[in-house]
Amino acid sequence: MITEKAFGEARLFTISGPELSVSVSSRGATVTSLRYRGRETVLGYDSDEGYLRGGAYLGATVGRVGNRIGGAAFELKGVRYPLVPNEGENQLHGGPDSFDRRLWTAEKLGEEALRFTLVSPDGDNGFPGTLRAAVTYRVSGAVLRIEFEGESDRDTVYAPTNHMYFDLSGRGRSLDARLWLGADRVVEPGPGLIPTGRLLPAEGDFDFGHIRPVARDYDHAFVLTGEHACRLEDGGVAMDLFTDFPALQVYTAKFLDPPHRPYQGLALEPEFFPDSPNHPDFPSVTLRSGERFFRWAEYRFSESEQ
């Protein structure tokens, strides 16, 4: 069942099922609530104004390019495109006032799915091409599936993601949650968290080959080895994330705006590598004119002994 109500300037839609319910605002196609058997599992705000004031992208669809682009510029087919910076000299999550701040158009697909669409004009925050973006949320049993789509009338770059922060237990202690990652390498961050270009073995503190407490601060992109990206356990709830994105950003939320506090949730962002437009050896984020972008992520919930 899908319900709808006003949410400030936005509209708030809720897909309700016997095991899982998700609420999504048309502001940023943002997940504001994700309840498994009645328990809230993600961080959010109570109002549309909270999302406009906040700077942590809680639950939002981000783009055009998720994560950072070094120097707020990239080159495509011999043309350099300067972008609008919003984190020092770099661009983060598509630039200022981007996808997460905008009102998307919502469409109900039956009683178990919602599709949100947005037109990003040519030159938007510096990106070439008029891009038609779409994100679809589907609930089936204890599974939330997100599908990302996009088409452009010019060659461009496109690499969206969702930025949910998980708190499965409700205790607000991301470092205590237990995490397993289906990853064997980590993208080495340099100054400003811009990649050096090197991929390092996921060893020592970066080895999540066996499920264990998160324990320390992270803001790193892990290179996935398959579709099973991670398993998170906390407070008797488990969440397994499956995706066809090549990387997973793990961010322990060292910086969160009030009313939330540092380390209250764990951001798990299925994505392409940071600064991919400037690294030809990274998986390509180029979207050719007339091509269709399609990627997906599934969040599968269950009970856990931990």
C-alpha atoms as a PDB file:
ATOM      1  CA  MET A   1       0.000   0.000   0.000  1.00  0.00           C
ATOM      2  CA  ILE A   2       1.215   3.519  -0.840  1.00  0.00           C
ATOM      3  CA  THR A   3       0.101   6.606   1.061  1.00  0.00           C
ATOM      4  CA  GLU A   4       0.902  10.260   0.365  1.00  0.00           C
ATOM      5  CA  LYS A   5       0.868  13.464   2.393  1.00  0.00           C
ATOM      6  CA  ALA A   6       2.253  16.979   2.425  1.00  0.00           C
ATOM      7  CA  PHE A   7       5.812  17.415   3.718  1.00  0.00           C
ATOM      8  CA  GLY A   8       6.544  21.140   3.674  1.00  0.00           C
ATOM      9  CA  GLU A   9       7.052  22.108   0.039  1.00  0.00           C
ATOM     10  CA  ALA A  10       7.579  18.432  -0.788  1.00  0.00           C
ATOM     11  CA  ARG A  11       5.344  15.354  -0.815  1.00  0.00           C
ATOM     12  CA  LEU A  12       6.032  12.350   1.399  1.00  0.00           C
ATOM     13  CA  PHE A  13       5.178   8.884   0.122  1.00  0.00           C
ATOM     14  CA  THR A  14       5.178   5.676   2.178  1.00  0.00           C
ATOM     15  CA  ILE A  15       5.240   2.135   0.802  1.00  0.00           C
ATOM     16  CA  SER A  16       3.959  -0.140   3.574  1.00  0.00           C
ATOM     17  CA  GLY A  17       4.359  -3.898   3.665  1.00  0.00           C
ATOM     18  CA  PRO A  18       4.009  -6.566   6.359  1.00  0.00           C
ATOM     19  CA  GLU A  19       7.763  -6.576   7.105  1.00  0.00           C
ATOM     20  CA  LEU A  20       9.214  -3.415   5.616  1.00  0.00           C
ATOM     21  CA  SER A  21       8.008   0.126   5.068  1.00  0.00           C
ATOM     22  CA  VAL A  22       9.872   2.982   3.421  1.00  0.00           C
ATOM     23  CA  SER A  23       9.021   6.683   3.345  1.00  0.00           C
ATOM     24  CA  VAL A  24      10.454   8.784   0.521  1.00  0.00           C
ATOM     25  CA  SER A  25      10.249  12.554   0.125  1.00  0.00           C
ATOM     26  CA  SER A  26      10.046  14.191  -3.266  1.00  0.00           C
ATOM     27  CA  ARG A  27      12.778  16.508  -1.903  1.00  0.00           C
ATOM     28  CA  GLY A  28      15.864  14.768  -3.230  1.00  0.00           C
ATOM     29  CA  ALA A  29      14.006  11.461  -3.733  1.00  0.00           C
ATOM     30  CA  THR A  30      15.130  11.031  -0.123  1.00  0.00           C
ATOM     31  CA  VAL A  31      14.516   8.043   2.171  1.00  0.00           C
ATOM     32  CA  THR A  32      13.248   9.649   5.379  1.00  0.00           C
ATOM     33  CA  SER A  33      12.316   6.398   7.157  1.00  0.00           C
ATOM     34  CA  LEU A  34      12.988   2.692   6.674  1.00  0.00           C
ATOM     35  CA  ARG A  35      11.263   0.445   9.195  1.00  0.00           C
ATOM     36  CA  TYR A  36      11.861  -3.279   9.536  1.00  0.00           C
ATOM     37  CA  ARG A  37       9.101  -4.953  11.562  1.00  0.00           C
ATOM     38  CA  GLY A  38       8.282  -1.582  13.082  1.00  0.00           C
ATOM     39  CA  ARG A  39      11.860  -0.638  14.027  1.00  0.00           C
ATOM     40  CA  GLU A  40      13.427   2.447  12.461  1.00  0.00           C
ATOM     41  CA  THR A  41      16.767   1.594  10.826  1.00  0.00           C
ATOM     42  CA  VAL A  42      17.938   4.895   9.253  1.00  0.00           C
ATOM     43  CA  LEU A  43      18.536   8.478  10.322  1.00  0.00           C
ATOM     44  CA  GLY A  44      16.288  11.286   9.144  1.00  0.00           C
ATOM     45  CA  TYR A  45      14.649  14.615   9.908  1.00  0.00           C
ATOM     46  CA  ASP A  46      11.076  15.293  10.970  1.00  0.00           C
ATOM     47  CA  SER A  47      10.473  18.053   8.420  1.00  0.00           C
ATOM     48  CA  ASP A  48      11.289  19.166   4.902  1.00  0.00           C
ATOM     49  CA  GLU A  49      13.039  22.185   6.447  1.00  0.00           C
ATOM     50  CA  GLY A  50      15.392  19.826   8.273  1.00  0.00           C
ATOM     51  CA  TYR A  51      16.588  18.375   4.976  1.00  0.00           C
ATOM     52  CA  LEU A  52      17.089  21.853   3.513  1.00  0.00           C
ATOM     53  CA  ARG A  53      19.153  22.934   6.540  1.00  0.00           C
ATOM     54  CA  GLY A  54      21.145  19.718   6.940  1.00  0.00           C
ATOM     55  CA  GLY A  55      24.432  19.121   5.197  1.00  0.00           C
ATOM     56  CA  ALA A  56      24.916  15.375   5.585  1.00  0.00           C
ATOM     57  CA  TYR A  57      22.733  14.167   2.674  1.00  0.00           C
ATOM     58  CA  LEU A  58      20.668  11.944   5.000  1.00  0.00           C
ATOM     59  CA  GLY A  59      18.872   9.367   2.849  1.00  0.00           C
ATOM     60  CA  ALA A  60      19.163  11.472  -0.303  1.00  0.00           C
ATOM     61  CA  THR A  61      19.672  10.573  -3.921  1.00  0.00           C
ATOM     62  CA  VAL A  62      22.910  12.357  -4.811  1.00  0.00           C
ATOM     63  CA  GLY A  63      24.276  13.274  -8.222  1.00  0.00           C
ATOM     64  CA  ARG A  64      25.147  13.912 -10.891  1.00  0.00           C
ATOM     65  CA  VAL A  65      28.297  12.304  -9.512  1.00  0.00           C
ATOM     66  CA  GLY A  66      28.366  10.890  -6.009  1.00  0.00           C
ATOM     67  CA  ASN A  67      31.437  11.437  -3.846  1.00  0.00           C
ATOM     68  CA  ARG A  68      34.246  13.848  -4.737  1.00  0.00           C
ATOM     69  CA  ILE A  69      35.671  15.242  -7.973  1.00  0.00           C
ATOM     70  CA  GLY A  70      39.137  16.641  -7.408  1.00  0.00           C
ATOM     71  CA  GLY A  71      39.724  20.259  -8.391  1.00  0.00           C
ATOM     72  CA  ALA A  72      36.042  20.523  -9.322  1.00  0.00           C
ATOM     73  CA  ALA A  73      36.856  19.765 -12.963  1.00  0.00           C
ATOM     74  CA  PHE A  74      37.212  16.880 -15.416  1.00  0.00           C
ATOM     75  CA  GLU A  75      38.023  16.288 -19.070  1.00  0.00           C
ATOM     76  CA  LEU A  76      35.766  14.470 -21.521  1.00  0.00           C
ATOM     77  CA  LYS A  77      36.647  13.921 -25.191  1.00  0.00           C
ATOM     78  CA  GLY A  78      39.382  16.547 -24.973  1.00  0.00           C
ATOM     79  CA  VAL A  79      37.151  19.233 -23.453  1.00  0.00           C
ATOM     80  CA  ARG A  80      37.748  20.433 -19.890  1.00  0.00           C
ATOM     81  CA  TYR A  81      34.613  21.055 -17.836  1.00  0.00           C
ATOM     82  CA  PRO A  82      35.018  23.277 -14.755  1.00  0.00           C
ATOM     83  CA  LEU A  83      32.446  22.417 -12.108  1.00  0.00           C
ATOM     84  CA  VAL A  84      31.006  24.391  -9.212  1.00  0.00           C
ATOM     85  CA  PRO A  85      32.991  23.498  -6.062  1.00  0.00           C
ATOM     86  CA  ASN A  86      31.243  23.025  -2.734  1.00  0.00           C
ATOM     87  CA  GLU A  87      33.962  21.446  -0.564  1.00  0.00           C
ATOM     88  CA  GLY A  88      37.018  23.653  -0.720  1.00  0.00           C
ATOM     89  CA  GLU A  89      38.425  23.399  -4.235  1.00  0.00           C
ATOM     90  CA  ASN A  90      36.613  20.098  -4.870  1.00  0.00           C
ATOM     91  CA  GLN A  91      33.066  19.156  -5.756  1.00  0.00           C
ATOM     92  CA  LEU A  92      31.105  16.801  -3.501  1.00  0.00           C
ATOM     93  CA  HIS A  93      27.944  14.870  -4.435  1.00  0.00           C
ATOM     94  CA  GLY A  94      27.149  16.892  -7.542  1.00  0.00           C
ATOM     95  CA  GLY A  95      27.786  20.390  -6.234  1.00  0.00           C
ATOM     96  CA  PRO A  96      25.736  22.989  -4.351  1.00  0.00           C
ATOM     97  CA  ASP A  97      21.931  22.838  -4.440  1.00  0.00           C
ATOM     98  CA  SER A  98      22.016  19.649  -6.453  1.00  0.00           C
ATOM     99  CA  PHE A  99      19.834  16.526  -6.678  1.00  0.00           C
ATOM    100  CA  ASP A 100      19.388  16.194  -2.904  1.00  0.00           C
ATOM    101  CA  ARG A 101      17.840  19.700  -2.635  1.00  0.00           C
ATOM    102  CA  ARG A 102      15.491  19.578  -5.599  1.00  0.00           C
ATOM    103  CA  LEU A 103      11.874  18.558  -5.906  1.00  0.00           C
ATOM    104  CA  TRP A 104      11.515  15.387  -7.957  1.00  0.00           C
ATOM    105  CA  THR A 105       8.351  14.280  -9.766  1.00  0.00           C
ATOM    106  CA  ALA A 106       6.816  11.179  -8.198  1.00  0.00           C
ATOM    107  CA  GLU A 107       4.827   8.401  -9.879  1.00  0.00           C
ATOM    108  CA  LYS A 108       3.198   5.425  -8.179  1.00  0.00           C
ATOM    109  CA  LEU A 109       3.899   2.082  -9.837  1.00  0.00           C
ATOM    110  CA  GLY A 110       1.171  -0.139  -8.434  1.00  0.00           C
ATOM    111  CA  GLU A 111       1.111  -0.548  -4.650  1.00  0.00           C
ATOM    112  CA  GLU A 112       4.741  -1.549  -4.054  1.00  0.00           C
ATOM    113  CA  ALA A 113       6.896   0.881  -6.017  1.00  0.00           C
ATOM    114  CA  LEU A 114       7.553   4.599  -6.522  1.00  0.00           C
ATOM    115  CA  ARG A 115       9.450   6.222  -9.387  1.00  0.00           C
ATOM    116  CA  PHE A 116      10.970   9.693  -9.044  1.00  0.00           C
ATOM    117  CA  THR A 117      12.221  11.680 -12.043  1.00  0.00           C
ATOM    118  CA  LEU A 118      14.264  14.861 -12.390  1.00  0.00           C
ATOM    119  CA  VAL A 119      15.561  16.883 -15.347  1.00  0.00           C
ATOM    120  CA  SER A 120      19.059  18.293 -14.809  1.00  0.00           C
ATOM    121  CA  PRO A 121      19.691  20.979 -17.470  1.00  0.00           C
ATOM    122  CA  ASP A 122      22.779  21.356 -19.614  1.00  0.00           C
ATOM    123  CA  GLY A 123      25.482  23.136 -17.596  1.00  0.00           C
ATOM    124  CA  ASP A 124      23.942  22.186 -14.240  1.00  0.00           C
ATOM    125  CA  ASN A 125      26.752  22.795 -11.694  1.00  0.00           C
ATOM    126  CA  GLY A 126      29.088  22.622 -14.707  1.00  0.00           C
ATOM    127  CA  PHE A 127      28.058  19.218 -16.096  1.00  0.00           C
ATOM    128  CA  PRO A 128      27.376  18.952 -19.840  1.00  0.00           C
ATOM    129  CA  GLY A 129      24.133  17.681 -21.335  1.00  0.00           C
ATOM    130  CA  THR A 130      20.498  17.722 -20.325  1.00  0.00           C
ATOM    131  CA  LEU A 131      20.178  14.668 -18.104  1.00  0.00           C
ATOM    132  CA  ARG A 132      16.913  12.897 -17.343  1.00  0.00           C
ATOM    133  CA  ALA A 133      17.424  11.051 -14.072  1.00  0.00           C
ATOM    134  CA  ALA A 134      15.133   8.511 -12.434  1.00  0.00           C
ATOM    135  CA  VAL A 135      15.215   6.499  -9.222  1.00  0.00           C
ATOM    136  CA  THR A 136      12.726   3.743  -8.357  1.00  0.00           C
ATOM    137  CA  TYR A 137      12.032   2.324  -4.894  1.00  0.00           C
ATOM    138  CA  ARG A 138      10.438  -1.143  -4.656  1.00  0.00           C
ATOM    139  CA  VAL A 139       9.426  -3.057  -1.528  1.00  0.00           C
ATOM    140  CA  SER A 140       8.999  -6.834  -1.599  1.00  0.00           C
ATOM    141  CA  GLY A 141       8.795  -8.689   1.701  1.00  0.00           C
ATOM    142  CA  ALA A 142      11.840  -7.605   3.719  1.00  0.00           C
ATOM    143  CA  VAL A 143      13.703  -6.230   0.680  1.00  0.00           C
ATOM    144  CA  LEU A 144      14.066  -2.649  -0.522  1.00  0.00           C
ATOM    145  CA  ARG A 145      15.334  -2.377  -4.099  1.00  0.00           C
ATOM    146  CA  ILE A 146      16.572   0.919  -5.549  1.00  0.00           C
ATOM    147  CA  GLU A 147      17.060   1.317  -9.299  1.00  0.00           C
ATOM    148  CA  PHE A 148      18.981   4.257 -10.759  1.00  0.00           C
ATOM    149  CA  GLU A 149      18.463   5.344 -14.376  1.00  0.00           C
ATOM    150  CA  GLY A 150      19.653   8.187 -16.571  1.00  0.00           C
ATOM    151  CA  GLU A 151      19.787   9.433 -20.160  1.00  0.00           C
ATOM    152  CA  SER A 152      21.549  12.485 -21.592  1.00  0.00           C
ATOM    153  CA  ASP A 153      21.337  14.378 -24.892  1.00  0.00           C
ATOM    154  CA  ARG A 154      25.127  14.925 -24.811  1.00  0.00           C
ATOM    155  CA  ASP A 155      28.054  12.870 -23.642  1.00  0.00           C
ATOM    156  CA  THR A 156      28.442  13.478 -19.913  1.00  0.00           C
ATOM    157  CA  VAL A 157      29.386  11.759 -16.655  1.00  0.00           C
ATOM    158  CA  TYR A 158      26.832  10.205 -14.329  1.00  0.00           C
ATOM    159  CA  ALA A 159      27.317   8.242 -11.096  1.00  0.00           C
ATOM    160  CA  PRO A 160      24.437   8.630  -8.616  1.00  0.00           C
ATOM    161  CA  THR A 161      24.046   6.921  -5.269  1.00  0.00           C
ATOM    162  CA  ASN A 162      21.806   6.812  -2.214  1.00  0.00           C
ATOM    163  CA  HIS A 163      23.131   8.227   1.058  1.00  0.00           C
ATOM    164  CA  MET A 164      21.212   6.432   3.811  1.00  0.00           C
ATOM    165  CA  TYR A 165      22.772   6.326   7.294  1.00  0.00           C
ATOM    166  CA  PHE A 166      21.945   3.063   9.068  1.00  0.00           C
ATOM    167  CA  ASP A 167      21.311   2.637  12.783  1.00  0.00           C
ATOM    168  CA  LEU A 168      19.820  -0.843  13.015  1.00  0.00           C
ATOM    169  CA  SER A 169      19.727  -0.973  16.805  1.00  0.00           C
ATOM    170  CA  GLY A 170      18.437   2.540  17.437  1.00  0.00           C
ATOM    171  CA  ARG A 171      21.287   3.100  19.915  1.00  0.00           C
ATOM    172  CA  GLY A 172      23.115   5.530  17.666  1.00  0.00           C
ATOM    173  CA  ARG A 173      26.593   3.973  17.945  1.00  0.00           C
ATOM    174  CA  SER A 174      27.882   3.203  14.452  1.00  0.00           C
ATOM    175  CA  LEU A 175      31.299   2.068  15.705  1.00  0.00           C
ATOM    176  CA  ASP A 176      29.674  -0.758  17.711  1.00  0.00           C
ATOM    177  CA  ALA A 177      27.814  -2.218  14.720  1.00  0.00           C
ATOM    178  CA  ARG A 178      29.243  -5.378  13.178  1.00  0.00           C
ATOM    179  CA  LEU A 179      30.222  -5.213   9.500  1.00  0.00           C
ATOM    180  CA  TRP A 180      31.308  -7.633   6.778  1.00  0.00           C
ATOM    181  CA  LEU A 181      32.431  -6.362   3.369  1.00  0.00           C
ATOM    182  CA  GLY A 182      32.660  -8.235   0.089  1.00  0.00           C
ATOM    183  CA  ALA A 183      35.760  -6.244  -0.830  1.00  0.00           C
ATOM    184  CA  ASP A 184      39.428  -7.006  -1.302  1.00  0.00           C
ATOM    185  CA  ARG A 185      40.859  -3.526  -1.974  1.00  0.00           C
ATOM    186  CA  VAL A 186      40.376   0.037  -0.835  1.00  0.00           C
ATOM    187  CA  VAL A 187      40.786   3.222  -2.877  1.00  0.00           C
ATOM    188  CA  GLU A 188      43.694   5.093  -1.289  1.00  0.00           C
ATOM    189  CA  PRO A 189      42.597   8.619  -0.291  1.00  0.00           C
ATOM    190  CA  GLY A 190      44.951  11.557  -0.573  1.00  0.00           C
ATOM    191  CA  PRO A 191      44.560  15.143   0.641  1.00  0.00           C
ATOM    192  CA  GLY A 192      40.922  16.213   0.763  1.00  0.00           C
ATOM    193  CA  LEU A 193      39.937  12.538   0.391  1.00  0.00           C
ATOM    194  CA  ILE A 194      40.735  12.737  -3.333  1.00  0.00           C
ATOM    195  CA  PRO A 195      42.125   9.362  -4.513  1.00  0.00           C
ATOM    196  CA  THR A 196      45.811   9.012  -5.227  1.00  0.00           C
ATOM    197  CA  GLY A 197      44.958   6.522  -7.960  1.00  0.00           C
ATOM    198  CA  ARG A 198      46.283   3.540  -6.038  1.00  0.00           C
ATOM    199  CA  LEU A 199      44.146   0.593  -4.919  1.00  0.00           C
ATOM    200  CA  LEU A 200      45.489  -0.931  -1.712  1.00  0.00           C
ATOM    201  CA  PRO A 201      44.822  -4.415  -0.305  1.00  0.00           C
ATOM    202  CA  ALA A 202      42.030  -4.410   2.279  1.00  0.00           C
ATOM    203  CA  GLU A 203      44.314  -5.451   5.132  1.00  0.00           C
ATOM    204  CA  GLY A 204      44.631  -4.628   8.822  1.00  0.00           C
ATOM    205  CA  ASP A 205      41.986  -2.094   9.855  1.00  0.00           C
ATOM    206  CA  PHE A 206      40.486  -2.357   6.358  1.00  0.00           C
ATOM    207  CA  ASP A 207      39.972  -6.115   6.474  1.00  0.00           C
ATOM    208  CA  PHE A 208      36.276  -6.862   6.897  1.00  0.00           C
ATOM    209  CA  GLY A 209      36.516 -10.348   5.430  1.00  0.00           C
ATOM    210  CA  HIS A 210      35.046 -11.640   8.702  1.00  0.00           C
ATOM    211  CA  ILE A 211      32.196  -9.793  10.365  1.00  0.00           C
ATOM    212  CA  ARG A 212      33.462  -7.607  13.223  1.00  0.00           C
ATOM    213  CA  PRO A 213      32.744  -4.300  14.972  1.00  0.00           C
ATOM    214  CA  VAL A 214      33.430  -1.226  12.859  1.00  0.00           C
ATOM    215  CA  ALA A 215      35.486   0.083  15.815  1.00  0.00           C
ATOM    216  CA  ARG A 216      37.162   3.138  14.220  1.00  0.00           C
ATOM    217  CA  ASP A 217      36.527   6.072  11.914  1.00  0.00           C
ATOM    218  CA  TYR A 218      36.184   5.427   8.165  1.00  0.00           C
ATOM    219  CA  ASP A 219      35.417   7.480   5.085  1.00  0.00           C
ATOM    220  CA  HIS A 220      36.726   5.119   2.428  1.00  0.00           C
ATOM    221  CA  ALA A 221      35.667   3.512  -0.839  1.00  0.00           C
ATOM    222  CA  PHE A 222      36.016  -0.278  -0.816  1.00  0.00           C
ATOM    223  CA  VAL A 223      36.376  -2.146  -4.121  1.00  0.00           C
ATOM    224  CA  LEU A 224      33.719  -4.852  -4.331  1.00  0.00           C
ATOM    225  CA  THR A 225      34.437  -8.375  -5.529  1.00  0.00           C
ATOM    226  CA  GLY A 226      30.815  -9.307  -6.313  1.00  0.00           C
ATOM    227  CA  GLU A 227      27.200  -8.288  -5.853  1.00  0.00           C
ATOM    228  CA  HIS A 228      27.098  -9.072  -2.112  1.00  0.00           C
ATOM    229  CA  ALA A 229      28.574  -5.779  -0.934  1.00  0.00           C
ATOM    230  CA  CYS A 230      28.158  -5.979   2.829  1.00  0.00           C
ATOM    231  CA  ARG A 231      26.340  -7.352   5.865  1.00  0.00           C
ATOM    232  CA  LEU A 232      25.560  -5.115   8.817  1.00  0.00           C
ATOM    233  CA  GLU A 233      24.363  -6.467  12.185  1.00  0.00           C
ATOM    234  CA  ASP A 234      23.239  -4.546  15.241  1.00  0.00           C
ATOM    235  CA  GLY A 235      20.579  -4.925  17.917  1.00  0.00           C
ATOM    236  CA  GLY A 236      19.188  -8.198  16.599  1.00  0.00           C
ATOM    237  CA  VAL A 237      18.708  -6.883  13.044  1.00  0.00           C
ATOM    238  CA  ALA A 238      20.807  -7.712   9.981  1.00  0.00           C
ATOM    239  CA  MET A 239      20.938  -5.915   6.643  1.00  0.00           C
ATOM    240  CA  ASP A 240      22.613  -7.449   3.581  1.00  0.00           C
ATOM    241  CA  LEU A 241      23.346  -5.062   0.727  1.00  0.00           C
ATOM    242  CA  PHE A 242      23.595  -6.406  -2.817  1.00  0.00           C
ATOM    243  CA  THR A 243      24.479  -4.165  -5.777  1.00  0.00           C
ATOM    244  CA  ASP A 244      26.044  -4.001  -9.235  1.00  0.00           C
ATOM    245  CA  PHE A 245      27.971  -0.807  -8.413  1.00  0.00           C
ATOM    246  CA  PRO A 246      31.755  -1.417  -8.308  1.00  0.00           C
ATOM    247  CA  ALA A 247      32.437   0.167  -4.897  1.00  0.00           C
ATOM    248  CA  LEU A 248      30.959   0.852  -1.483  1.00  0.00           C
ATOM    249  CA  GLN A 249      31.739   4.006   0.471  1.00  0.00           C
ATOM    250  CA  VAL A 250      31.821   3.333   4.215  1.00  0.00           C
ATOM    251  CA  TYR A 251      31.413   6.526   6.247  1.00  0.00           C
ATOM    252  CA  THR A 252      31.120   6.388  10.031  1.00  0.00           C
ATOM    253  CA  ALA A 253      29.531   9.850  10.215  1.00  0.00           C
ATOM    254  CA  LYS A 254      32.212  11.678  12.145  1.00  0.00           C
ATOM    255  CA  PHE A 255      30.510  14.916  11.104  1.00  0.00           C
ATOM    256  CA  LEU A 256      26.734  15.187  11.544  1.00  0.00           C
ATOM    257  CA  ASP A 257      24.582  18.265  12.073  1.00  0.00           C
ATOM    258  CA  PRO A 258      22.292  18.637  15.113  1.00  0.00           C
ATOM    259  CA  PRO A 259      19.926  17.156  16.131  1.00  0.00           C
ATOM    260  CA  HIS A 260      22.078  14.183  15.130  1.00  0.00           C
ATOM    261  CA  ARG A 261      25.445  13.554  16.717  1.00  0.00           C
ATOM    262  CA  PRO A 262      28.751  12.206  15.386  1.00  0.00           C
ATOM    263  CA  TYR A 263      28.857   8.449  14.765  1.00  0.00           C
ATOM    264  CA  GLN A 264      25.081   8.090  15.219  1.00  0.00           C
ATOM    265  CA  GLY A 265      24.701   6.167  11.953  1.00  0.00           C
ATOM    266  CA  LEU A 266      26.755   4.347   9.340  1.00  0.00           C
ATOM    267  CA  ALA A 267      26.544   5.515   5.721  1.00  0.00           C
ATOM    268  CA  LEU A 268      26.908   2.689   3.200  1.00  0.00           C
ATOM    269  CA  GLU A 269      26.908   4.174  -0.302  1.00  0.00           C
ATOM    270  CA  PRO A 270      26.956   1.878  -3.367  1.00  0.00           C
ATOM    271  CA  GLU A 271      28.875   3.905  -5.917  1.00  0.00           C
ATOM    272  CA  PHE A 272      31.600   4.289  -8.505  1.00  0.00           C
ATOM    273  CA  PHE A 273      35.093   5.158  -7.304  1.00  0.00           C
ATOM    274  CA  PRO A 274      35.605   8.733  -6.039  1.00  0.00           C
ATOM    275  CA  ASP A 275      37.014  11.153  -8.637  1.00  0.00           C
ATOM    276  CA  SER A 276      36.382   8.592 -11.389  1.00  0.00           C
ATOM    277  CA  PRO A 277      36.139  11.213 -14.185  1.00  0.00           C
ATOM    278  CA  ASN A 278      39.803  12.057 -13.558  1.00  0.00           C
ATOM    279  CA  HIS A 279      41.106   8.464 -13.441  1.00  0.00           C
ATOM    280  CA  PRO A 280      40.900   6.657 -16.807  1.00  0.00           C
ATOM    281  CA  ASP A 281      41.879   3.367 -15.134  1.00  0.00           C
ATOM    282  CA  PHE A 282      38.882   3.503 -12.742  1.00  0.00           C
ATOM    283  CA  PRO A 283      35.519   2.064 -13.851  1.00  0.00           C
ATOM    284  CA  SER A 284      34.096   4.568 -16.317  1.00  0.00           C
ATOM    285  CA  VAL A 285      31.284   6.949 -15.355  1.00  0.00           C
ATOM    286  CA  THR A 286      30.912   8.317 -18.893  1.00  0.00           C
ATOM    287  CA  LEU A 287      27.327   8.292 -20.136  1.00  0.00           C
ATOM    288  CA  ARG A 288      27.165   8.599 -23.917  1.00  0.00           C
ATOM    289  CA  SER A 289      24.408  10.477 -25.653  1.00  0.00           C
ATOM    290  CA  GLY A 290      21.521   8.095 -26.365  1.00  0.00           C
ATOM    291  CA  GLU A 291      22.756   5.432 -23.930  1.00  0.00           C
ATOM    292  CA  ARG A 292      20.774   4.405 -20.857  1.00  0.00           C
ATOM    293  CA  PHE A 293      22.339   4.280 -17.412  1.00  0.00           C
ATOM    294  CA  PHE A 294      21.007   1.566 -15.121  1.00  0.00           C
ATOM    295  CA  ARG A 295      22.317   0.384 -11.747  1.00  0.00           C
ATOM    296  CA  TRP A 296      20.629  -1.183  -8.750  1.00  0.00           C
ATOM    297  CA  ALA A 297      21.006  -1.848  -5.023  1.00  0.00           C
ATOM    298  CA  GLU A 298      19.005  -4.198  -2.777  1.00  0.00           C
ATOM    299  CA  TYR A 299      18.761  -3.931   1.009  1.00  0.00           C
ATOM    300  CA  ARG A 300      17.687  -7.283   2.473  1.00  0.00           C
ATOM    301  CA  PHE A 301      16.642  -7.306   6.125  1.00  0.00           C
ATOM    302  CA  SER A 302      16.455 -10.222   8.556  1.00  0.00           C
ATOM    303  CA  GLU A 303      16.789 -11.036  12.228  1.00  0.00           C
ATOM    304  CA  SER A 304      20.212 -11.564  13.747  1.00  0.00           C
ATOM    305  CA  GLU A 305      21.597 -13.004  16.967  1.00  0.00           C
ATOM    306  CA  GLN A 306      23.807  -9.952  17.439  1.00  0.00           C
END
